[in-house]
């Protein structure tokens, strides 16, 4: 009888551990998803920044060219 009680207790313990592992796995998957989204958003942001810097430099270049043409 004592052996059955110990086995039942062990079984319940294993069930709880399995549930916790499942929750951890779900949480890890969710965190990985969030990380991928943030990485993608960050890449898009950096790409946009490069575009803005390029556009800004081009505007400065055109302004400089206009000044050069006006001086000549």
C-alpha atoms as a PDB file:
ATOM      1  CA  UNK A   1       0.000   0.000   0.000  1.00  0.00           C
ATOM      2  CA  UNK A   2       2.839   2.362   0.880  1.00  0.00           C
ATOM      3  CA  UNK A   3       4.551   1.542  -2.417  1.00  0.00           C
ATOM      4  CA  UNK A   4       1.393   2.455  -4.371  1.00  0.00           C
ATOM      5  CA  UNK A   5       1.140   5.771  -2.514  1.00  0.00           C
ATOM      6  CA  UNK A   6       4.786   6.558  -3.332  1.00  0.00           C
ATOM      7  CA  UNK A   7       4.250   5.662  -6.987  1.00  0.00           C
ATOM      8  CA  UNK A   8       1.130   7.838  -7.161  1.00  0.00           C
ATOM      9  CA  UNK A   9       3.011  10.728  -5.593  1.00  0.00           C
ATOM     10  CA  UNK A  10       5.883  10.261  -8.020  1.00  0.00           C
ATOM     11  CA  UNK A  11       3.407  10.100 -10.903  1.00  0.00           C
ATOM     12  CA  UNK A  12       1.761  13.367  -9.808  1.00  0.00           C
ATOM     13  CA  UNK A  13       5.172  14.992  -9.427  1.00  0.00           C
ATOM     14  CA  UNK A  14       6.136  13.937 -12.947  1.00  0.00           C
ATOM     15  CA  UNK A  15       2.840  15.278 -14.321  1.00  0.00           C
ATOM     16  CA  UNK A  16       3.467  18.668 -12.709  1.00  0.00           C
ATOM     17  CA  UNK A  17       7.053  18.739 -13.992  1.00  0.00           C
ATOM     18  CA  UNK A  18       5.814  17.893 -17.487  1.00  0.00           C
ATOM     19  CA  UNK A  19       3.234  20.690 -17.334  1.00  0.00           C
ATOM     20  CA  UNK A  20       5.896  23.153 -16.201  1.00  0.00           C
ATOM     21  CA  UNK A  21       8.193  22.046 -19.003  1.00  0.00           C
ATOM     22  CA  UNK A  22       5.364  22.519 -21.491  1.00  0.00           C
ATOM     23  CA  UNK A  23       4.743  26.030 -20.191  1.00  0.00           C
ATOM     24  CA  UNK A  24       8.455  26.820 -20.369  1.00  0.00           C
ATOM     25  CA  UNK A  25       8.594  25.514 -23.947  1.00  0.00           C
ATOM     26  CA  UNK A  26       5.609  27.708 -24.871  1.00  0.00           C
ATOM     27  CA  UNK A  27       7.206  30.715 -23.208  1.00  0.00           C
ATOM     28  CA  UNK A  28      10.508  30.092 -24.992  1.00  0.00           C
ATOM     29  CA  UNK A  29       8.714  29.790 -28.336  1.00  0.00           C
ATOM     30  CA  UNK A  30       6.847  33.039 -27.645  1.00  0.00           C
ATOM     31  CA  UNK A  31      10.067  34.827 -26.662  1.00  0.00           C
ATOM     32  CA  UNK A  32      11.790  33.561 -29.815  1.00  0.00           C
ATOM     33  CA  UNK A  33       8.891  34.885 -31.878  1.00  0.00           C
ATOM     34  CA  UNK A  34       9.144  38.273 -30.183  1.00  0.00           C
ATOM     35  CA  UNK A  35      12.906  38.344 -30.707  1.00  0.00           C
ATOM     36  CA  UNK A  36      12.517  37.578 -34.423  1.00  0.00           C
ATOM     37  CA  UNK A  37       9.904  40.335 -34.758  1.00  0.00           C
ATOM     38  CA  UNK A  38      12.114  42.865 -32.960  1.00  0.00           C
ATOM     39  CA  UNK A  39      15.108  41.871 -35.091  1.00  0.00           C
ATOM     40  CA  UNK A  40      13.041  42.292 -38.252  1.00  0.00           C
ATOM     41  CA  UNK A  41      11.716  45.667 -37.048  1.00  0.00           C
ATOM     42  CA  UNK A  42      15.246  46.752 -36.131  1.00  0.00           C
ATOM     43  CA  UNK A  43      16.543  45.763 -39.561  1.00  0.00           C
ATOM     44  CA  UNK A  44      13.738  47.731 -41.223  1.00  0.00           C
ATOM     45  CA  UNK A  45      14.506  50.722 -39.001  1.00  0.00           C
ATOM     46  CA  UNK A  46      18.206  50.597 -39.905  1.00  0.00           C
ATOM     47  CA  UNK A  47      17.332  50.255 -43.578  1.00  0.00           C
ATOM     48  CA  UNK A  48      15.077  53.307 -43.311  1.00  0.00           C
ATOM     49  CA  UNK A  49      17.852  55.230 -41.561  1.00  0.00           C
ATOM     50  CA  UNK A  50      20.267  54.458 -44.397  1.00  0.00           C
ATOM     51  CA  UNK A  51      17.678  55.696 -46.881  1.00  0.00           C
ATOM     52  CA  UNK A  52      17.172  58.928 -44.936  1.00  0.00           C
ATOM     53  CA  UNK A  53      20.910  59.564 -44.650  1.00  0.00           C
ATOM     54  CA  UNK A  54      21.371  58.889 -48.374  1.00  0.00           C
ATOM     55  CA  UNK A  55      18.501  61.257 -49.220  1.00  0.00           C
ATOM     56  CA  UNK A  56      19.886  63.922 -46.902  1.00  0.00           C
ATOM     57  CA  UNK A  57      23.359  63.636 -48.435  1.00  0.00           C
ATOM     58  CA  UNK A  58      21.884  63.818 -51.926  1.00  0.00           C
ATOM     59  CA  UNK A  59      19.944  66.989 -51.033  1.00  0.00           C
ATOM     60  CA  UNK A  60      23.133  68.542 -49.638  1.00  0.00           C
ATOM     61  CA  UNK A  61      24.962  67.530 -52.822  1.00  0.00           C
ATOM     62  CA  UNK A  62      22.264  69.119 -55.010  1.00  0.00           C
ATOM     63  CA  UNK A  63      22.357  72.271 -52.895  1.00  0.00           C
ATOM     64  CA  UNK A  64      26.131  72.401 -53.262  1.00  0.00           C
ATOM     65  CA  UNK A  65      25.848  71.878 -57.032  1.00  0.00           C
ATOM     66  CA  UNK A  66      23.311  74.696 -57.273  1.00  0.00           C
ATOM     67  CA  UNK A  67      25.616  77.037 -55.357  1.00  0.00           C
ATOM     68  CA  UNK A  68      28.511  76.066 -57.623  1.00  0.00           C
ATOM     69  CA  UNK A  69      26.416  76.763 -60.718  1.00  0.00           C
ATOM     70  CA  UNK A  70      25.280  80.117 -59.314  1.00  0.00           C
ATOM     71  CA  UNK A  71      28.884  81.107 -58.560  1.00  0.00           C
ATOM     72  CA  UNK A  72      30.008  80.325 -62.112  1.00  0.00           C
END
